[in-house]
């Protein structure tokens, strides 16, 4: 099994970013068998809530690079 995973990893590294994103979506869909049918609507509502909080001065905007850097650090 470990040998096969190494082979897959090598092949995946050769994919374009677009192909990697498509593969990631497939894998996430395969792993997430408990998809809430309302998840998209819930995310829209959350985005609207956060936007309104930003407009009202309740949330501070941060540069995207900073946010992504912090997220990467948390995943390590």
PDB file of N, CA and C in Angstrom:
ATOM      1  N   UNK A   1       0.826  -1.195   0.000  1.00  0.00           N
ATOM      2  CA  UNK A   1       0.000   0.000   0.000  1.00  0.00           C
ATOM      3  C   UNK A   1       0.868   1.255   0.000  1.00  0.00           C
ATOM      4  N   UNK A   2       1.893   1.304   0.848  1.00  0.00           N
ATOM      5  CA  UNK A   2       2.755   2.485   0.930  1.00  0.00           C
ATOM      6  C   UNK A   2       3.424   2.756  -0.412  1.00  0.00           C
ATOM      7  N   UNK A   3       3.809   1.694  -1.123  1.00  0.00           N
ATOM      8  CA  UNK A   3       4.448   1.861  -2.431  1.00  0.00           C
ATOM      9  C   UNK A   3       3.464   2.498  -3.412  1.00  0.00           C
ATOM     10  N   UNK A   4       2.240   2.053  -3.408  1.00  0.00           N
ATOM     11  CA  UNK A   4       1.217   2.600  -4.305  1.00  0.00           C
ATOM     12  C   UNK A   4       0.955   4.072  -3.989  1.00  0.00           C
ATOM     13  N   UNK A   5       0.923   4.409  -2.716  1.00  0.00           N
ATOM     14  CA  UNK A   5       0.702   5.804  -2.318  1.00  0.00           C
ATOM     15  C   UNK A   5       1.845   6.678  -2.796  1.00  0.00           C
ATOM     16  N   UNK A   6       3.067   6.173  -2.693  1.00  0.00           N
ATOM     17  CA  UNK A   6       4.234   6.927  -3.180  1.00  0.00           C
ATOM     18  C   UNK A   6       4.126   7.154  -4.681  1.00  0.00           C
ATOM     19  N   UNK A   7       3.673   6.133  -5.416  1.00  0.00           N
ATOM     20  CA  UNK A   7       3.494   6.267  -6.864  1.00  0.00           C
ATOM     21  C   UNK A   7       2.438   7.326  -7.175  1.00  0.00           C
ATOM     22  N   UNK A   8       1.338   7.260  -6.459  1.00  0.00           N
ATOM     23  CA  UNK A   8       0.269   8.247  -6.666  1.00  0.00           C
ATOM     24  C   UNK A   8       0.760   9.655  -6.348  1.00  0.00           C
ATOM     25  N   UNK A   9       1.497   9.790  -5.253  1.00  0.00           N
ATOM     26  CA  UNK A   9       2.014  11.097  -4.875  1.00  0.00           C
ATOM     27  C   UNK A   9       2.909  11.660  -5.970  1.00  0.00           C
ATOM     28  N   UNK A  10       3.770  10.817  -6.516  1.00  0.00           N
ATOM     29  CA  UNK A  10       4.663  11.260  -7.595  1.00  0.00           C
ATOM     30  C   UNK A  10       3.848  11.726  -8.802  1.00  0.00           C
ATOM     31  N   UNK A  11       2.826  10.963  -9.158  1.00  0.00           N
ATOM     32  CA  UNK A  11       1.982  11.332 -10.297  1.00  0.00           C
ATOM     33  C   UNK A  11       1.209  12.622 -10.023  1.00  0.00           C
ATOM     34  N   UNK A  12       0.713  12.771  -8.816  1.00  0.00           N
ATOM     35  CA  UNK A  12      -0.062  13.961  -8.454  1.00  0.00           C
ATOM     36  C   UNK A  12       0.793  15.213  -8.540  1.00  0.00           C
ATOM     37  N   UNK A  13       2.043  15.109  -8.125  1.00  0.00           N
ATOM     38  CA  UNK A  13       2.938  16.262  -8.172  1.00  0.00           C
ATOM     39  C   UNK A  13       3.164  16.750  -9.601  1.00  0.00           C
ATOM     40  N   UNK A  14       2.950  15.900 -10.570  1.00  0.00           N
ATOM     41  CA  UNK A  14       3.142  16.282 -11.973  1.00  0.00           C
ATOM     42  C   UNK A  14       1.891  16.934 -12.576  1.00  0.00           C
ATOM     43  N   UNK A  15       0.780  16.918 -11.851  1.00  0.00           N
ATOM     44  CA  UNK A  15      -0.452  17.519 -12.353  1.00  0.00           C
ATOM     45  C   UNK A  15      -0.387  19.041 -12.295  1.00  0.00           C
ATOM     46  N   UNK A  16      -1.188  19.668 -13.137  1.00  0.00           N
ATOM     47  CA  UNK A  16      -1.317  21.125 -13.087  1.00  0.00           C
ATOM     48  C   UNK A  16      -2.134  21.505 -11.853  1.00  0.00           C
ATOM     49  N   UNK A  17      -2.107  22.768 -11.501  1.00  0.00           N
ATOM     50  CA  UNK A  17      -2.887  23.240 -10.353  1.00  0.00           C
ATOM     51  C   UNK A  17      -4.374  22.967 -10.553  1.00  0.00           C
ATOM     52  N   UNK A  18      -4.845  23.152 -11.764  1.00  0.00           N
ATOM     53  CA  UNK A  18      -6.256  22.928 -12.062  1.00  0.00           C
ATOM     54  C   UNK A  18      -6.611  21.448 -11.886  1.00  0.00           C
ATOM     55  N   UNK A  19      -5.732  20.566 -12.339  1.00  0.00           N
ATOM     56  CA  UNK A  19      -5.973  19.135 -12.192  1.00  0.00           C
ATOM     57  C   UNK A  19      -5.917  18.721 -10.721  1.00  0.00           C
ATOM     58  N   UNK A  20      -4.996  19.299  -9.965  1.00  0.00           N
ATOM     59  CA  UNK A  20      -4.903  19.000  -8.537  1.00  0.00           C
ATOM     60  C   UNK A  20      -6.169  19.442  -7.813  1.00  0.00           C
ATOM     61  N   UNK A  21      -6.691  20.598  -8.178  1.00  0.00           N
ATOM     62  CA  UNK A  21      -7.919  21.101  -7.554  1.00  0.00           C
ATOM     63  C   UNK A  21      -9.089  20.166  -7.858  1.00  0.00           C
ATOM     64  N   UNK A  22      -9.160  19.696  -9.093  1.00  0.00           N
ATOM     65  CA  UNK A  22     -10.241  18.775  -9.470  1.00  0.00           C
ATOM     66  C   UNK A  22     -10.109  17.469  -8.684  1.00  0.00           C
ATOM     67  N   UNK A  23      -8.894  16.978  -8.548  1.00  0.00           N
ATOM     68  CA  UNK A  23      -8.655  15.752  -7.781  1.00  0.00           C
ATOM     69  C   UNK A  23      -9.011  15.954  -6.311  1.00  0.00           C
ATOM     70  N   UNK A  24      -8.649  17.089  -5.767  1.00  0.00           N
ATOM     71  CA  UNK A  24      -8.971  17.377  -4.368  1.00  0.00           C
ATOM     72  C   UNK A  24     -10.480  17.360  -4.153  1.00  0.00           C
ATOM     73  N   UNK A  25     -11.216  17.951  -5.073  1.00  0.00           N
ATOM     74  CA  UNK A  25     -12.681  17.972  -4.969  1.00  0.00           C
ATOM     75  C   UNK A  25     -13.227  16.545  -4.985  1.00  0.00           C
ATOM     76  N   UNK A  26     -12.703  15.707  -5.865  1.00  0.00           N
ATOM     77  CA  UNK A  26     -13.153  14.315  -5.949  1.00  0.00           C
ATOM     78  C   UNK A  26     -12.881  13.589  -4.633  1.00  0.00           C
ATOM     79  N   UNK A  27     -11.669  13.768  -4.098  1.00  0.00           N
ATOM     80  CA  UNK A  27     -11.302  13.094  -2.851  1.00  0.00           C
ATOM     81  C   UNK A  27     -12.159  13.573  -1.684  1.00  0.00           C
ATOM     82  N   UNK A  28     -12.393  14.872  -1.617  1.00  0.00           N
ATOM     83  CA  UNK A  28     -13.228  15.411  -0.545  1.00  0.00           C
ATOM     84  C   UNK A  28     -14.636  14.845  -0.651  1.00  0.00           C
ATOM     85  N   UNK A  29     -15.173  14.804  -1.856  1.00  0.00           N
ATOM     86  CA  UNK A  29     -16.515  14.252  -2.051  1.00  0.00           C
ATOM     87  C   UNK A  29     -16.572  12.786  -1.633  1.00  0.00           C
ATOM     88  N   UNK A  30     -15.514  12.039  -1.944  1.00  0.00           N
ATOM     89  CA  UNK A  30     -15.459  10.621  -1.576  1.00  0.00           C
ATOM     90  C   UNK A  30     -15.383  10.435  -0.065  1.00  0.00           C
ATOM     91  N   UNK A  31     -14.640  11.299   0.606  1.00  0.00           N
ATOM     92  CA  UNK A  31     -14.442  11.166   2.050  1.00  0.00           C
ATOM     93  C   UNK A  31     -15.604  11.704   2.864  1.00  0.00           C
ATOM     94  N   UNK A  32     -16.310  12.679   2.333  1.00  0.00           N
ATOM     95  CA  UNK A  32     -17.389  13.322   3.071  1.00  0.00           C
ATOM     96  C   UNK A  32     -18.724  12.713   2.675  1.00  0.00           C
ATOM     97  N   UNK A  33     -19.060  11.625   3.339  1.00  0.00           N
ATOM     98  CA  UNK A  33     -20.303  10.934   2.989  1.00  0.00           C
ATOM     99  C   UNK A  33     -21.521  11.528   3.680  1.00  0.00           C
ATOM    100  N   UNK A  34     -21.308  12.472   4.574  1.00  0.00           N
ATOM    101  CA  UNK A  34     -22.417  13.074   5.306  1.00  0.00           C
ATOM    102  C   UNK A  34     -22.637  14.518   4.861  1.00  0.00           C
ATOM    103  N   UNK A  35     -22.788  14.711   3.586  1.00  0.00           N
ATOM    104  CA  UNK A  35     -22.971  16.053   3.045  1.00  0.00           C
ATOM    105  C   UNK A  35     -24.349  16.578   3.421  1.00  0.00           C
ATOM    106  N   UNK A  36     -24.350  17.731   4.041  1.00  0.00           N
ATOM    107  CA  UNK A  36     -25.598  18.398   4.392  1.00  0.00           C
ATOM    108  C   UNK A  36     -26.126  19.077   3.131  1.00  0.00           C
ATOM    109  N   UNK A  37     -27.332  18.788   2.774  1.00  0.00           N
ATOM    110  CA  UNK A  37     -27.913  19.364   1.562  1.00  0.00           C
ATOM    111  C   UNK A  37     -27.992  20.886   1.623  1.00  0.00           C
ATOM    112  N   UNK A  38     -27.981  21.440   2.821  1.00  0.00           N
ATOM    113  CA  UNK A  38     -28.100  22.884   2.996  1.00  0.00           C
ATOM    114  C   UNK A  38     -26.760  23.567   3.172  1.00  0.00           C
ATOM    115  N   UNK A  39     -25.663  22.840   2.985  1.00  0.00           N
ATOM    116  CA  UNK A  39     -24.344  23.395   3.292  1.00  0.00           C
ATOM    117  C   UNK A  39     -24.051  24.655   2.479  1.00  0.00           C
ATOM    118  N   UNK A  40     -24.409  24.655   1.209  1.00  0.00           N
ATOM    119  CA  UNK A  40     -24.136  25.835   0.386  1.00  0.00           C
ATOM    120  C   UNK A  40     -24.887  27.053   0.904  1.00  0.00           C
ATOM    121  N   UNK A  41     -26.142  26.866   1.246  1.00  0.00           N
ATOM    122  CA  UNK A  41     -26.939  27.969   1.784  1.00  0.00           C
ATOM    123  C   UNK A  41     -26.363  28.452   3.117  1.00  0.00           C
ATOM    124  N   UNK A  42     -25.907  27.517   3.940  1.00  0.00           N
ATOM    125  CA  UNK A  42     -25.305  27.890   5.222  1.00  0.00           C
ATOM    126  C   UNK A  42     -24.049  28.724   5.019  1.00  0.00           C
ATOM    127  N   UNK A  43     -23.234  28.369   4.021  1.00  0.00           N
ATOM    128  CA  UNK A  43     -22.023  29.152   3.743  1.00  0.00           C
ATOM    129  C   UNK A  43     -22.366  30.538   3.216  1.00  0.00           C
ATOM    130  N   UNK A  44     -23.404  30.637   2.397  1.00  0.00           N
ATOM    131  CA  UNK A  44     -23.839  31.941   1.898  1.00  0.00           C
ATOM    132  C   UNK A  44     -24.278  32.815   3.067  1.00  0.00           C
ATOM    133  N   UNK A  45     -25.044  32.235   3.974  1.00  0.00           N
ATOM    134  CA  UNK A  45     -25.503  32.992   5.137  1.00  0.00           C
ATOM    135  C   UNK A  45     -24.325  33.426   6.016  1.00  0.00           C
ATOM    136  N   UNK A  46     -23.346  32.549   6.193  1.00  0.00           N
ATOM    137  CA  UNK A  46     -22.170  32.889   6.993  1.00  0.00           C
ATOM    138  C   UNK A  46     -21.374  34.012   6.327  1.00  0.00           C
ATOM    139  N   UNK A  47     -21.219  33.933   5.014  1.00  0.00           N
ATOM    140  CA  UNK A  47     -20.499  34.984   4.286  1.00  0.00           C
ATOM    141  C   UNK A  47     -21.218  36.319   4.427  1.00  0.00           C
ATOM    142  N   UNK A  48     -22.539  36.295   4.324  1.00  0.00           N
ATOM    143  CA  UNK A  48     -23.311  37.527   4.479  1.00  0.00           C
ATOM    144  C   UNK A  48     -23.179  38.088   5.894  1.00  0.00           C
ATOM    145  N   UNK A  49     -23.207  37.202   6.897  1.00  0.00           N
ATOM    146  CA  UNK A  49     -23.057  37.638   8.291  1.00  0.00           C
ATOM    147  C   UNK A  49     -21.693  38.290   8.507  1.00  0.00           C
ATOM    148  N   UNK A  50     -20.642  37.665   7.964  1.00  0.00           N
ATOM    149  CA  UNK A  50     -19.293  38.217   8.129  1.00  0.00           C
ATOM    150  C   UNK A  50     -19.142  39.535   7.379  1.00  0.00           C
ATOM    151  N   UNK A  51     -19.716  39.625   6.189  1.00  0.00           N
ATOM    152  CA  UNK A  51     -19.641  40.868   5.422  1.00  0.00           C
ATOM    153  C   UNK A  51     -20.341  41.999   6.181  1.00  0.00           C
ATOM    154  N   UNK A  52     -21.509  41.705   6.716  1.00  0.00           N
ATOM    155  CA  UNK A  52     -22.251  42.726   7.459  1.00  0.00           C
ATOM    156  C   UNK A  52     -21.476  43.157   8.696  1.00  0.00           C
ATOM    157  N   UNK A  53     -20.835  42.220   9.372  1.00  0.00           N
ATOM    158  CA  UNK A  53     -20.015  42.557  10.539  1.00  0.00           C
ATOM    159  C   UNK A  53     -18.844  43.436  10.126  1.00  0.00           C
ATOM    160  N   UNK A  54     -18.262  43.175   8.956  1.00  0.00           N
ATOM    161  CA  UNK A  54     -17.169  44.008   8.446  1.00  0.00           C
ATOM    162  C   UNK A  54     -17.682  45.419   8.152  1.00  0.00           C
ATOM    163  N   UNK A  55     -18.803  45.515   7.454  1.00  0.00           N
ATOM    164  CA  UNK A  55     -19.393  46.812   7.113  1.00  0.00           C
ATOM    165  C   UNK A  55     -19.715  47.601   8.380  1.00  0.00           C
ATOM    166  N   UNK A  56     -20.173  46.916   9.414  1.00  0.00           N
ATOM    167  CA  UNK A  56     -20.527  47.571  10.675  1.00  0.00           C
ATOM    168  C   UNK A  56     -19.310  47.888  11.540  1.00  0.00           C
ATOM    169  N   UNK A  57     -18.122  47.529  11.068  1.00  0.00           N
ATOM    170  CA  UNK A  57     -16.910  47.804  11.826  1.00  0.00           C
ATOM    171  C   UNK A  57     -16.652  46.817  12.953  1.00  0.00           C
ATOM    172  N   UNK A  58     -17.351  45.703  12.942  1.00  0.00           N
ATOM    173  CA  UNK A  58     -17.192  44.690  13.988  1.00  0.00           C
ATOM    174  C   UNK A  58     -16.085  43.694  13.672  1.00  0.00           C
ATOM    175  N   UNK A  59     -15.687  43.634  12.409  1.00  0.00           N
ATOM    176  CA  UNK A  59     -14.621  42.736  11.952  1.00  0.00           C
ATOM    177  C   UNK A  59     -13.560  43.549  11.233  1.00  0.00           C
ATOM    178  N   UNK A  60     -12.327  43.174  11.444  1.00  0.00           N
ATOM    179  CA  UNK A  60     -11.207  43.854  10.793  1.00  0.00           C
ATOM    180  C   UNK A  60     -10.745  43.027   9.590  1.00  0.00           C
ATOM    181  N   UNK A  61     -10.529  43.671   8.462  1.00  0.00           N
ATOM    182  CA  UNK A  61     -10.032  42.980   7.274  1.00  0.00           C
ATOM    183  C   UNK A  61      -8.542  42.704   7.431  1.00  0.00           C
ATOM    184  N   UNK A  62      -8.102  41.591   6.882  1.00  0.00           N
ATOM    185  CA  UNK A  62      -6.687  41.221   6.903  1.00  0.00           C
ATOM    186  C   UNK A  62      -6.263  40.859   5.490  1.00  0.00           C
ATOM    187  N   UNK A  63      -5.003  41.137   5.152  1.00  0.00           N
ATOM    188  CA  UNK A  63      -4.513  40.770   3.817  1.00  0.00           C
ATOM    189  C   UNK A  63      -4.582  39.250   3.600  1.00  0.00           C
ATOM    190  N   UNK A  64      -4.945  38.854   2.405  1.00  0.00           N
ATOM    191  CA  UNK A  64      -5.073  37.437   2.075  1.00  0.00           C
ATOM    192  C   UNK A  64      -3.813  36.645   2.344  1.00  0.00           C
ATOM    193  N   UNK A  65      -2.646  37.226   2.034  1.00  0.00           N
ATOM    194  CA  UNK A  65      -1.379  36.522   2.265  1.00  0.00           C
ATOM    195  C   UNK A  65      -1.198  36.208   3.746  1.00  0.00           C
ATOM    196  N   UNK A  66      -1.563  37.162   4.591  1.00  0.00           N
ATOM    197  CA  UNK A  66      -1.435  36.962   6.038  1.00  0.00           C
ATOM    198  C   UNK A  66      -2.367  35.844   6.510  1.00  0.00           C
ATOM    199  N   UNK A  67      -3.586  35.865   6.036  1.00  0.00           N
ATOM    200  CA  UNK A  67      -4.570  34.854   6.428  1.00  0.00           C
ATOM    201  C   UNK A  67      -4.106  33.466   5.996  1.00  0.00           C
ATOM    202  N   UNK A  68      -3.643  33.347   4.761  1.00  0.00           N
ATOM    203  CA  UNK A  68      -3.193  32.048   4.265  1.00  0.00           C
ATOM    204  C   UNK A  68      -1.962  31.562   5.022  1.00  0.00           C
ATOM    205  N   UNK A  69      -1.056  32.458   5.343  1.00  0.00           N
ATOM    206  CA  UNK A  69       0.135  32.096   6.100  1.00  0.00           C
ATOM    207  C   UNK A  69      -0.245  31.555   7.473  1.00  0.00           C
ATOM    208  N   UNK A  70      -1.156  32.226   8.131  1.00  0.00           N
ATOM    209  CA  UNK A  70      -1.611  31.771   9.448  1.00  0.00           C
ATOM    210  C   UNK A  70      -2.311  30.414   9.348  1.00  0.00           C
ATOM    211  N   UNK A  71      -3.094  30.227   8.310  1.00  0.00           N
ATOM    212  CA  UNK A  71      -3.786  28.947   8.123  1.00  0.00           C
ATOM    213  C   UNK A  71      -2.779  27.822   7.905  1.00  0.00           C
ATOM    214  N   UNK A  72      -1.765  28.073   7.095  1.00  0.00           N
ATOM    215  CA  UNK A  72      -0.736  27.065   6.846  1.00  0.00           C
ATOM    216  C   UNK A  72      -0.001  26.701   8.129  1.00  0.00           C
ATOM    217  N   UNK A  73       0.289  27.695   8.952  1.00  0.00           N
ATOM    218  CA  UNK A  73       0.973  27.445  10.217  1.00  0.00           C
ATOM    219  C   UNK A  73       0.117  26.558  11.131  1.00  0.00           C
ATOM    220  N   UNK A  74      -1.155  26.790  11.138  1.00  0.00           N
ATOM    221  CA  UNK A  74      -2.052  25.992  11.991  1.00  0.00           C
ATOM    222  C   UNK A  74      -2.142  24.561  11.527  1.00  0.00           C
ATOM    223  N   UNK A  75      -1.957  24.324  10.234  1.00  0.00           N
ATOM    224  CA  UNK A  75      -2.056  22.975   9.693  1.00  0.00           C
ATOM    225  C   UNK A  75      -0.777  22.162   9.872  1.00  0.00           C
ATOM    226  N   UNK A  76       0.297  22.802  10.270  1.00  0.00           N
ATOM    227  CA  UNK A  76       1.564  22.081  10.449  1.00  0.00           C
ATOM    228  C   UNK A  76       1.571  21.269  11.710  1.00  0.00           C
TER     229      UNK A  76
END
